[in-house]
Every structure is written in structure tokens, then in C-alpha cells.
Amino acid sequence: MDLLWQQPRRNTLVSWPHDINQRLDILVRAAAAAGEQTSRSQILAALVATADTTPEAIAELLHTYRRLTADALTTDNERTDLPTVRAPGPTRSSI
């Protein structure tokens, strides 16, 4: 049986706020806390693959995101209760 997550890859350039980038790292750490070994790309792929594709649901997601205040993720991005996960490959420098 062919599995979607094992299909050929395509690189995608994503540009987003720094706090969103940190939030993705938090999601990887939360997966690790649940015993999952995963990557940022798998988290993103899982979110996209399982998202509701009805126009109303997408519009609501966008409206919710666009109403978030600049400090909306601050508390979550400072989580100390999750394990530290080192990404494979070269260390990224923070900008």
C-alpha cells in the first residue's frame, strides 16, 4: 500500500512571522512529548492534508489568524514543559 507521506517531495518556500515559526517548533516538541518522532515538514503536511477544504472553513481559519494580536503566541512559544528537539542538519541561525 502506498502512503501519502512517503510520496516524492516538493520544496515549498514559506515566509511568515517569527512567532509562527516558533509555534511550528512547539508543535514538533509537543509531538515528541507524545512519543512521536517527526519533523517540521511532517507537521505542516499533516495540517494541510487534514484541513477542512470547504470555503467557509478556510475563510474562518483566515479570519481567525488575521485577528490574532502580535503577542497571541508569546506564552505558548515559551513552553518549558516540552522536550527540546534538535532538528537534523546544520544549526539554523536566529535572525
C-alpha atoms as a PDB file:
ATOM      1  CA  MET A   1       0.000   0.000   0.000  1.00  0.00           C
ATOM      2  CA  ASP A   2       1.349   3.408  -0.987  1.00  0.00           C
ATOM      3  CA  LEU A   3       1.248   6.002   1.788  1.00  0.00           C
ATOM      4  CA  LEU A   4       0.844   9.693   1.069  1.00  0.00           C
ATOM      5  CA  TRP A   5       3.597  10.771   3.457  1.00  0.00           C
ATOM      6  CA  GLN A   6       6.109   8.596   1.578  1.00  0.00           C
ATOM      7  CA  GLN A   7       5.430  10.097  -1.858  1.00  0.00           C
ATOM      8  CA  PRO A   8       8.024  12.195  -3.734  1.00  0.00           C
ATOM      9  CA  ARG A   9       8.753  15.560  -2.154  1.00  0.00           C
ATOM     10  CA  ARG A  10       8.444  19.112  -3.353  1.00  0.00           C
ATOM     11  CA  ASN A  11      10.119  22.041  -1.617  1.00  0.00           C
ATOM     12  CA  THR A  12       7.898  24.966  -0.741  1.00  0.00           C
ATOM     13  CA  LEU A  13       9.073  28.411   0.254  1.00  0.00           C
ATOM     14  CA  VAL A  14       7.105  29.732   3.216  1.00  0.00           C
ATOM     15  CA  SER A  15       7.502  33.225   4.598  1.00  0.00           C
ATOM     16  CA  TRP A  16       5.747  34.031   7.858  1.00  0.00           C
ATOM     17  CA  PRO A  17       6.135  35.865  11.155  1.00  0.00           C
ATOM     18  CA  HIS A  18       8.877  34.727  13.541  1.00  0.00           C
ATOM     19  CA  ASP A  19       6.313  33.707  16.201  1.00  0.00           C
ATOM     20  CA  ILE A  20       4.618  31.366  13.706  1.00  0.00           C
ATOM     21  CA  ASN A  21       7.992  29.767  13.024  1.00  0.00           C
ATOM     22  CA  GLN A  22       8.491  29.282  16.762  1.00  0.00           C
ATOM     23  CA  ARG A  23       4.967  27.863  17.020  1.00  0.00           C
ATOM     24  CA  LEU A  24       5.869  25.187  14.459  1.00  0.00           C
ATOM     25  CA  ASP A  25       8.833  24.223  16.642  1.00  0.00           C
ATOM     26  CA  ILE A  26       6.443  23.991  19.611  1.00  0.00           C
ATOM     27  CA  LEU A  27       4.231  21.609  17.615  1.00  0.00           C
ATOM     28  CA  VAL A  28       7.254  19.391  16.878  1.00  0.00           C
ATOM     29  CA  ARG A  29       8.147  19.426  20.580  1.00  0.00           C
ATOM     30  CA  ALA A  30       4.543  18.559  21.518  1.00  0.00           C
ATOM     31  CA  ALA A  31       4.655  15.611  19.120  1.00  0.00           C
ATOM     32  CA  ALA A  32       7.910  14.471  20.753  1.00  0.00           C
ATOM     33  CA  ALA A  33       6.230  14.717  24.169  1.00  0.00           C
ATOM     34  CA  ALA A  34       3.540  12.374  22.813  1.00  0.00           C
ATOM     35  CA  GLY A  35       6.212   9.896  21.722  1.00  0.00           C
ATOM     36  CA  GLU A  36       6.199  10.838  18.036  1.00  0.00           C
ATOM     37  CA  GLN A  37       9.395  11.305  16.066  1.00  0.00           C
ATOM     38  CA  THR A  38       8.557  13.856  13.395  1.00  0.00           C
ATOM     39  CA  SER A  39       9.740  16.938  11.553  1.00  0.00           C
ATOM     40  CA  ARG A  40       8.521  20.434  10.847  1.00  0.00           C
ATOM     41  CA  SER A  41       7.653  19.397   7.293  1.00  0.00           C
ATOM     42  CA  GLN A  42       5.587  16.428   8.503  1.00  0.00           C
ATOM     43  CA  ILE A  43       3.670  18.656  10.913  1.00  0.00           C
ATOM     44  CA  LEU A  44       2.904  21.133   8.119  1.00  0.00           C
ATOM     45  CA  ALA A  45       1.965  18.346   5.704  1.00  0.00           C
ATOM     46  CA  ALA A  46      -0.349  16.772   8.301  1.00  0.00           C
ATOM     47  CA  LEU A  47      -2.085  20.100   8.924  1.00  0.00           C
ATOM     48  CA  VAL A  48      -2.559  20.767   5.207  1.00  0.00           C
ATOM     49  CA  ALA A  49      -3.641  17.211   4.369  1.00  0.00           C
ATOM     50  CA  THR A  50      -6.279  17.082   7.092  1.00  0.00           C
ATOM     51  CA  ALA A  51      -7.612  20.635   6.842  1.00  0.00           C
ATOM     52  CA  ASP A  52     -11.280  21.107   6.027  1.00  0.00           C
ATOM     53  CA  THR A  53     -11.425  22.307   2.419  1.00  0.00           C
ATOM     54  CA  THR A  54     -14.842  23.903   2.477  1.00  0.00           C
ATOM     55  CA  PRO A  55     -14.690  27.584   1.530  1.00  0.00           C
ATOM     56  CA  GLU A  56     -16.371  28.583   4.798  1.00  0.00           C
ATOM     57  CA  ALA A  57     -13.852  26.654   6.908  1.00  0.00           C
ATOM     58  CA  ILE A  58     -10.883  28.181   5.069  1.00  0.00           C
ATOM     59  CA  ALA A  59     -12.381  31.661   5.378  1.00  0.00           C
ATOM     60  CA  GLU A  60     -12.873  31.137   9.124  1.00  0.00           C
ATOM     61  CA  LEU A  61      -9.259  29.963   9.525  1.00  0.00           C
ATOM     62  CA  LEU A  62      -8.014  33.066   7.720  1.00  0.00           C
ATOM     63  CA  HIS A  63     -10.256  35.386   9.713  1.00  0.00           C
ATOM     64  CA  THR A  64      -9.144  33.816  12.991  1.00  0.00           C
ATOM     65  CA  TYR A  65      -5.460  34.110  12.020  1.00  0.00           C
ATOM     66  CA  ARG A  66      -5.808  37.688  10.830  1.00  0.00           C
ATOM     67  CA  ARG A  67      -7.437  38.745  14.117  1.00  0.00           C
ATOM     68  CA  LEU A  68      -4.616  37.383  16.304  1.00  0.00           C
ATOM     69  CA  THR A  69      -2.772  40.079  18.191  1.00  0.00           C
ATOM     70  CA  ALA A  70       1.009  40.397  17.844  1.00  0.00           C
ATOM     71  CA  ASP A  71       1.522  38.782  21.260  1.00  0.00           C
ATOM     72  CA  ALA A  72      -1.020  35.967  20.773  1.00  0.00           C
ATOM     73  CA  LEU A  73       1.574  33.179  20.757  1.00  0.00           C
ATOM     74  CA  THR A  74       4.046  34.605  23.257  1.00  0.00           C
ATOM     75  CA  THR A  75       3.030  32.361  26.154  1.00  0.00           C
ATOM     76  CA  ASP A  76       2.919  29.215  24.032  1.00  0.00           C
ATOM     77  CA  ASN A  77       6.301  29.965  22.462  1.00  0.00           C
ATOM     78  CA  GLU A  78       7.879  29.988  25.923  1.00  0.00           C
ATOM     79  CA  ARG A  79       6.767  26.466  26.877  1.00  0.00           C
ATOM     80  CA  THR A  80       9.271  24.784  29.162  1.00  0.00           C
ATOM     81  CA  ASP A  81       7.167  21.667  29.767  1.00  0.00           C
ATOM     82  CA  LEU A  82       8.009  20.176  26.362  1.00  0.00           C
ATOM     83  CA  PRO A  83      11.190  18.329  25.424  1.00  0.00           C
ATOM     84  CA  THR A  84      13.889  20.038  23.412  1.00  0.00           C
ATOM     85  CA  VAL A  85      14.139  18.683  19.887  1.00  0.00           C
ATOM     86  CA  ARG A  86      17.220  19.186  17.773  1.00  0.00           C
ATOM     87  CA  ALA A  87      16.491  19.500  14.085  1.00  0.00           C
ATOM     88  CA  PRO A  88      18.660  17.359  11.809  1.00  0.00           C
ATOM     89  CA  GLY A  89      21.196  19.076   9.624  1.00  0.00           C
ATOM     90  CA  PRO A  90      23.096  22.301  10.151  1.00  0.00           C
ATOM     91  CA  THR A  91      22.061  24.561  13.013  1.00  0.00           C
ATOM     92  CA  ARG A  92      19.880  27.464  11.940  1.00  0.00           C
ATOM     93  CA  SER A  93      20.981  30.902  12.992  1.00  0.00           C
ATOM     94  CA  SER A  94      18.356  33.142  14.511  1.00  0.00           C
ATOM     95  CA  ILE A  95      17.697  36.407  12.764  1.00  0.00           C
END
